[in-house]
Amino acid sequence: RFGAKRAGATIVEIEGASHAVAVSQPK
């Protein structure tokens, strides 16, 4: 969160997602 906010990024947060979110929630 800190890095994303500092970068001024457009942020999406997925509650309950693990580090392997690209595997568990690819869509």
PDB file of all heavy atoms in Angstrom:
ATOM      1  N   ARG A   1       0.833  -1.215   0.000  1.00  0.00           N
ATOM      2  CA  ARG A   1       0.000   0.000   0.000  1.00  0.00           C
ATOM      3  C   ARG A   1       0.860   1.255   0.000  1.00  0.00           C
ATOM      4  O   ARG A   1       0.599   2.212  -0.745  1.00  0.00           O
ATOM      5  CB  ARG A   1      -0.915   0.010   1.225  1.00  0.00           C
ATOM      6  CG  ARG A   1      -1.985  -1.054   1.226  1.00  0.00           C
ATOM      7  CD  ARG A   1      -2.936  -0.870   2.396  1.00  0.00           C
ATOM      8  NE  ARG A   1      -3.768  -2.056   2.554  1.00  0.00           N
ATOM      9  CZ  ARG A   1      -3.592  -2.973   3.495  1.00  0.00           C
ATOM     10  NH1 ARG A   1      -2.626  -2.826   4.390  1.00  0.00           N
ATOM     11  NH2 ARG A   1      -4.378  -4.024   3.561  1.00  0.00           N
ATOM     12  N   PHE A   2       1.882   1.252   0.845  1.00  0.00           N
ATOM     13  CA  PHE A   2       2.755   2.421   0.953  1.00  0.00           C
ATOM     14  C   PHE A   2       3.421   2.735  -0.385  1.00  0.00           C
ATOM     15  O   PHE A   2       3.406   3.884  -0.850  1.00  0.00           O
ATOM     16  CB  PHE A   2       3.823   2.184   2.022  1.00  0.00           C
ATOM     17  CG  PHE A   2       4.878   3.262   2.078  1.00  0.00           C
ATOM     18  CD1 PHE A   2       4.643   4.453   2.745  1.00  0.00           C
ATOM     19  CD2 PHE A   2       6.100   3.087   1.438  1.00  0.00           C
ATOM     20  CE1 PHE A   2       5.612   5.453   2.783  1.00  0.00           C
ATOM     21  CE2 PHE A   2       7.068   4.084   1.466  1.00  0.00           C
ATOM     22  CZ  PHE A   2       6.826   5.276   2.143  1.00  0.00           C
ATOM     23  N   GLY A   3       4.012   1.717  -1.005  1.00  0.00           N
ATOM     24  CA  GLY A   3       4.698   1.930  -2.274  1.00  0.00           C
ATOM     25  C   GLY A   3       3.748   2.392  -3.365  1.00  0.00           C
ATOM     26  O   GLY A   3       4.081   3.282  -4.157  1.00  0.00           O
ATOM     27  N   ALA A   4       2.557   1.802  -3.396  1.00  0.00           N
ATOM     28  CA  ALA A   4       1.577   2.157  -4.424  1.00  0.00           C
ATOM     29  C   ALA A   4       1.086   3.593  -4.259  1.00  0.00           C
ATOM     30  O   ALA A   4       0.975   4.345  -5.233  1.00  0.00           O
ATOM     31  CB  ALA A   4       0.404   1.183  -4.377  1.00  0.00           C
ATOM     32  N   LYS A   5       0.805   3.970  -3.012  1.00  0.00           N
ATOM     33  CA  LYS A   5       0.337   5.340  -2.770  1.00  0.00           C
ATOM     34  C   LYS A   5       1.430   6.350  -3.092  1.00  0.00           C
ATOM     35  O   LYS A   5       1.169   7.396  -3.688  1.00  0.00           O
ATOM     36  CB  LYS A   5      -0.115   5.482  -1.320  1.00  0.00           C
ATOM     37  CG  LYS A   5      -1.412   4.744  -1.005  1.00  0.00           C
ATOM     38  CD  LYS A   5      -1.784   4.881   0.461  1.00  0.00           C
ATOM     39  CE  LYS A   5      -3.068   4.118   0.782  1.00  0.00           C
ATOM     40  NZ  LYS A   5      -3.396   4.188   2.224  1.00  0.00           N
ATOM     41  N   ARG A   6       2.658   6.035  -2.702  1.00  0.00           N
ATOM     42  CA  ARG A   6       3.770   6.939  -2.976  1.00  0.00           C
ATOM     43  C   ARG A   6       3.964   7.123  -4.478  1.00  0.00           C
ATOM     44  O   ARG A   6       4.326   8.219  -4.939  1.00  0.00           O
ATOM     45  CB  ARG A   6       5.038   6.387  -2.334  1.00  0.00           C
ATOM     46  CG  ARG A   6       6.266   7.257  -2.546  1.00  0.00           C
ATOM     47  CD  ARG A   6       7.468   6.739  -1.768  1.00  0.00           C
ATOM     48  NE  ARG A   6       7.865   5.395  -2.163  1.00  0.00           N
ATOM     49  CZ  ARG A   6       8.872   4.731  -1.609  1.00  0.00           C
ATOM     50  NH1 ARG A   6       9.557   5.270  -0.615  1.00  0.00           N
ATOM     51  NH2 ARG A   6       9.171   3.518  -2.024  1.00  0.00           N
ATOM     52  N   ALA A   7       3.729   6.059  -5.229  1.00  0.00           N
ATOM     53  CA  ALA A   7       3.876   6.124  -6.685  1.00  0.00           C
ATOM     54  C   ALA A   7       2.708   6.821  -7.370  1.00  0.00           C
ATOM     55  O   ALA A   7       2.753   7.046  -8.578  1.00  0.00           O
ATOM     56  CB  ALA A   7       4.047   4.710  -7.242  1.00  0.00           C
ATOM     57  N   GLY A   8       1.669   7.126  -6.608  1.00  0.00           N
ATOM     58  CA  GLY A   8       0.485   7.714  -7.220  1.00  0.00           C
ATOM     59  C   GLY A   8      -0.264   6.744  -8.097  1.00  0.00           C
ATOM     60  O   GLY A   8      -0.948   7.138  -9.056  1.00  0.00           O
ATOM     61  N   ALA A   9      -0.153   5.457  -7.772  1.00  0.00           N
ATOM     62  CA  ALA A   9      -0.765   4.415  -8.597  1.00  0.00           C
ATOM     63  C   ALA A   9      -2.283   4.373  -8.431  1.00  0.00           C
ATOM     64  O   ALA A   9      -2.822   4.757  -7.395  1.00  0.00           O
ATOM     65  CB  ALA A   9      -0.176   3.051  -8.224  1.00  0.00           C
ATOM     66  N   THR A  10      -2.944   3.881  -9.467  1.00  0.00           N
ATOM     67  CA  THR A  10      -4.353   3.502  -9.357  1.00  0.00           C
ATOM     68  C   THR A  10      -4.384   2.155  -8.636  1.00  0.00           C
ATOM     69  O   THR A  10      -3.803   1.183  -9.126  1.00  0.00           O
ATOM     70  CB  THR A  10      -4.992   3.372 -10.749  1.00  0.00           C
ATOM     71  OG1 THR A  10      -4.915   4.641 -11.412  1.00  0.00           O
ATOM     72  CG2 THR A  10      -6.436   2.928 -10.646  1.00  0.00           C
ATOM     73  N   ILE A  11      -5.019   2.097  -7.473  1.00  0.00           N
ATOM     74  CA  ILE A  11      -4.885   0.938  -6.584  1.00  0.00           C
ATOM     75  C   ILE A  11      -6.167   0.126  -6.518  1.00  0.00           C
ATOM     76  O   ILE A  11      -7.255   0.664  -6.353  1.00  0.00           O
ATOM     77  CB  ILE A  11      -4.489   1.387  -5.165  1.00  0.00           C
ATOM     78  CG1 ILE A  11      -3.180   2.191  -5.199  1.00  0.00           C
ATOM     79  CG2 ILE A  11      -4.341   0.183  -4.234  1.00  0.00           C
ATOM     80  CD1 ILE A  11      -2.829   2.846  -3.878  1.00  0.00           C
ATOM     81  N   VAL A  12      -6.004  -1.193  -6.630  1.00  0.00           N
ATOM     82  CA  VAL A  12      -7.077  -2.156  -6.383  1.00  0.00           C
ATOM     83  C   VAL A  12      -6.599  -3.069  -5.262  1.00  0.00           C
ATOM     84  O   VAL A  12      -5.466  -3.542  -5.292  1.00  0.00           O
ATOM     85  CB  VAL A  12      -7.381  -3.003  -7.638  1.00  0.00           C
ATOM     86  CG1 VAL A  12      -8.339  -4.137  -7.309  1.00  0.00           C
ATOM     87  CG2 VAL A  12      -7.952  -2.122  -8.743  1.00  0.00           C
ATOM     88  N   GLU A  13      -7.439  -3.284  -4.262  1.00  0.00           N
ATOM     89  CA  GLU A  13      -7.078  -4.203  -3.183  1.00  0.00           C
ATOM     90  C   GLU A  13      -8.044  -5.382  -3.184  1.00  0.00           C
ATOM     91  O   GLU A  13      -9.261  -5.196  -3.274  1.00  0.00           O
ATOM     92  CB  GLU A  13      -7.094  -3.511  -1.826  1.00  0.00           C
ATOM     93  CG  GLU A  13      -6.696  -4.443  -0.695  1.00  0.00           C
ATOM     94  CD  GLU A  13      -6.171  -3.727   0.540  1.00  0.00           C
ATOM     95  OE1 GLU A  13      -5.906  -2.509   0.465  1.00  0.00           O
ATOM     96  OE2 GLU A  13      -6.005  -4.399   1.580  1.00  0.00           O
ATOM     97  N   ILE A  14      -7.491  -6.584  -3.091  1.00  0.00           N
ATOM     98  CA  ILE A  14      -8.318  -7.787  -3.033  1.00  0.00           C
ATOM     99  C   ILE A  14      -8.206  -8.376  -1.630  1.00  0.00           C
ATOM    100  O   ILE A  14      -7.159  -8.914  -1.251  1.00  0.00           O
ATOM    101  CB  ILE A  14      -7.896  -8.818  -4.089  1.00  0.00           C
ATOM    102  CG1 ILE A  14      -8.022  -8.214  -5.491  1.00  0.00           C
ATOM    103  CG2 ILE A  14      -8.751 -10.072  -3.971  1.00  0.00           C
ATOM    104  CD1 ILE A  14      -7.676  -9.171  -6.612  1.00  0.00           C
ATOM    105  N   GLU A  15      -9.266  -8.254  -0.888  1.00  0.00           N
ATOM    106  CA  GLU A  15      -9.290  -8.768   0.479  1.00  0.00           C
ATOM    107  C   GLU A  15      -9.180 -10.290   0.461  1.00  0.00           C
ATOM    108  O   GLU A  15      -9.832 -10.966  -0.331  1.00  0.00           O
ATOM    109  CB  GLU A  15     -10.587  -8.342   1.170  1.00  0.00           C
ATOM    110  CG  GLU A  15     -10.669  -8.708   2.638  1.00  0.00           C
ATOM    111  CD  GLU A  15     -11.941  -8.199   3.291  1.00  0.00           C
ATOM    112  OE1 GLU A  15     -12.686  -7.451   2.621  1.00  0.00           O
ATOM    113  OE2 GLU A  15     -12.191  -8.552   4.452  1.00  0.00           O
ATOM    114  N   GLY A  16      -8.336 -10.826   1.317  1.00  0.00           N
ATOM    115  CA  GLY A  16      -8.185 -12.275   1.415  1.00  0.00           C
ATOM    116  C   GLY A  16      -7.248 -12.894   0.401  1.00  0.00           C
ATOM    117  O   GLY A  16      -7.029 -14.113   0.425  1.00  0.00           O
ATOM    118  N   ALA A  17      -6.681 -12.091  -0.497  1.00  0.00           N
ATOM    119  CA  ALA A  17      -5.787 -12.629  -1.527  1.00  0.00           C
ATOM    120  C   ALA A  17      -4.398 -12.887  -0.951  1.00  0.00           C
ATOM    121  O   ALA A  17      -3.858 -12.075  -0.204  1.00  0.00           O
ATOM    122  CB  ALA A  17      -5.685 -11.666  -2.695  1.00  0.00           C
ATOM    123  N   SER A  18      -3.823 -14.015  -1.341  1.00  0.00           N
ATOM    124  CA  SER A  18      -2.466 -14.356  -0.927  1.00  0.00           C
ATOM    125  C   SER A  18      -1.451 -13.694  -1.848  1.00  0.00           C
ATOM    126  O   SER A  18      -1.803 -13.020  -2.819  1.00  0.00           O
ATOM    127  CB  SER A  18      -2.268 -15.879  -0.956  1.00  0.00           C
ATOM    128  OG  SER A  18      -2.096 -16.328  -2.291  1.00  0.00           O
ATOM    129  N   HIS A  19      -0.175 -13.946  -1.562  1.00  0.00           N
ATOM    130  CA  HIS A  19       0.901 -13.427  -2.411  1.00  0.00           C
ATOM    131  C   HIS A  19       0.784 -13.976  -3.835  1.00  0.00           C
ATOM    132  O   HIS A  19       1.146 -13.302  -4.794  1.00  0.00           O
ATOM    133  CB  HIS A  19       2.251 -13.806  -1.803  1.00  0.00           C
ATOM    134  CG  HIS A  19       3.411 -13.069  -2.394  1.00  0.00           C
ATOM    135  ND1 HIS A  19       3.519 -11.693  -2.375  1.00  0.00           N
ATOM    136  CD2 HIS A  19       4.531 -13.520  -3.016  1.00  0.00           C
ATOM    137  CE1 HIS A  19       4.643 -11.326  -2.963  1.00  0.00           C
ATOM    138  NE2 HIS A  19       5.271 -12.412  -3.374  1.00  0.00           N
ATOM    139  N   ALA A  20       0.248 -15.187  -3.954  1.00  0.00           N
ATOM    140  CA  ALA A  20       0.100 -15.832  -5.263  1.00  0.00           C
ATOM    141  C   ALA A  20      -1.215 -15.439  -5.931  1.00  0.00           C
ATOM    142  O   ALA A  20      -1.876 -16.265  -6.576  1.00  0.00           O
ATOM    143  CB  ALA A  20       0.190 -17.346  -5.124  1.00  0.00           C
ATOM    144  N   VAL A  21      -1.578 -14.180  -5.836  1.00  0.00           N
ATOM    145  CA  VAL A  21      -2.863 -13.720  -6.359  1.00  0.00           C
ATOM    146  C   VAL A  21      -2.968 -13.908  -7.868  1.00  0.00           C
ATOM    147  O   VAL A  21      -4.071 -14.117  -8.402  1.00  0.00           O
ATOM    148  CB  VAL A  21      -3.106 -12.243  -5.954  1.00  0.00           C
ATOM    149  CG1 VAL A  21      -2.040 -11.333  -6.568  1.00  0.00           C
ATOM    150  CG2 VAL A  21      -4.501 -11.775  -6.336  1.00  0.00           C
ATOM    151  N   ALA A  22      -1.850 -13.888  -8.579  1.00  0.00           N
ATOM    152  CA  ALA A  22      -1.897 -14.105 -10.035  1.00  0.00           C
ATOM    153  C   ALA A  22      -2.290 -15.537 -10.365  1.00  0.00           C
ATOM    154  O   ALA A  22      -2.839 -15.800 -11.441  1.00  0.00           O
ATOM    155  CB  ALA A  22      -0.546 -13.782 -10.666  1.00  0.00           C
ATOM    156  N   VAL A  23      -2.032 -16.456  -9.441  1.00  0.00           N
ATOM    157  CA  VAL A  23      -2.438 -17.858  -9.616  1.00  0.00           C
ATOM    158  C   VAL A  23      -3.877 -18.063  -9.164  1.00  0.00           C
ATOM    159  O   VAL A  23      -4.668 -18.716  -9.844  1.00  0.00           O
ATOM    160  CB  VAL A  23      -1.493 -18.797  -8.828  1.00  0.00           C
ATOM    161  CG1 VAL A  23      -1.942 -20.252  -8.964  1.00  0.00           C
ATOM    162  CG2 VAL A  23      -0.055 -18.639  -9.306  1.00  0.00           C
ATOM    163  N   SER A  24      -4.234 -17.477  -8.022  1.00  0.00           N
ATOM    164  CA  SER A  24      -5.559 -17.720  -7.442  1.00  0.00           C
ATOM    165  C   SER A  24      -6.656 -16.874  -8.077  1.00  0.00           C
ATOM    166  O   SER A  24      -7.811 -17.306  -8.137  1.00  0.00           O
ATOM    167  CB  SER A  24      -5.529 -17.469  -5.930  1.00  0.00           C
ATOM    168  OG  SER A  24      -5.218 -16.112  -5.639  1.00  0.00           O
ATOM    169  N   GLN A  25      -6.302 -15.674  -8.549  1.00  0.00           N
ATOM    170  CA  GLN A  25      -7.309 -14.773  -9.114  1.00  0.00           C
ATOM    171  C   GLN A  25      -6.793 -14.119 -10.406  1.00  0.00           C
ATOM    172  O   GLN A  25      -6.671 -12.892 -10.492  1.00  0.00           O
ATOM    173  CB  GLN A  25      -7.698 -13.714  -8.079  1.00  0.00           C
ATOM    174  CG  GLN A  25      -8.246 -14.312  -6.795  1.00  0.00           C
ATOM    175  CD  GLN A  25      -9.092 -13.346  -6.014  1.00  0.00           C
ATOM    176  OE1 GLN A  25      -9.931 -12.630  -6.576  1.00  0.00           O
ATOM    177  NE2 GLN A  25      -8.901 -13.314  -4.714  1.00  0.00           N
ATOM    178  N   PRO A  26      -6.519 -14.939 -11.408  1.00  0.00           N
ATOM    179  CA  PRO A  26      -5.936 -14.388 -12.638  1.00  0.00           C
ATOM    180  C   PRO A  26      -6.841 -13.403 -13.369  1.00  0.00           C
ATOM    181  O   PRO A  26      -6.350 -12.470 -14.012  1.00  0.00           O
ATOM    182  CB  PRO A  26      -5.666 -15.637 -13.487  1.00  0.00           C
ATOM    183  CG  PRO A  26      -6.605 -16.678 -12.967  1.00  0.00           C
ATOM    184  CD  PRO A  26      -6.706 -16.400 -11.494  1.00  0.00           C
ATOM    185  N   LYS A  27      -8.168 -13.581 -13.283  1.00  0.00           N
ATOM    186  CA  LYS A  27      -9.071 -12.654 -13.975  1.00  0.00           C
ATOM    187  C   LYS A  27      -8.965 -11.248 -13.405  1.00  0.00           C
ATOM    188  O   LYS A  27      -8.933 -10.266 -14.151  1.00  0.00           O
ATOM    189  CB  LYS A  27     -10.513 -13.159 -13.894  1.00  0.00           C
ATOM    190  CG  LYS A  27     -10.785 -14.376 -14.756  1.00  0.00           C
ATOM    191  CD  LYS A  27     -12.262 -14.733 -14.764  1.00  0.00           C
ATOM    192  CE  LYS A  27     -12.534 -15.920 -15.685  1.00  0.00           C
ATOM    193  NZ  LYS A  27     -13.989 -16.255 -15.738  1.00  0.00           N
TER     194      LYS A  27
END
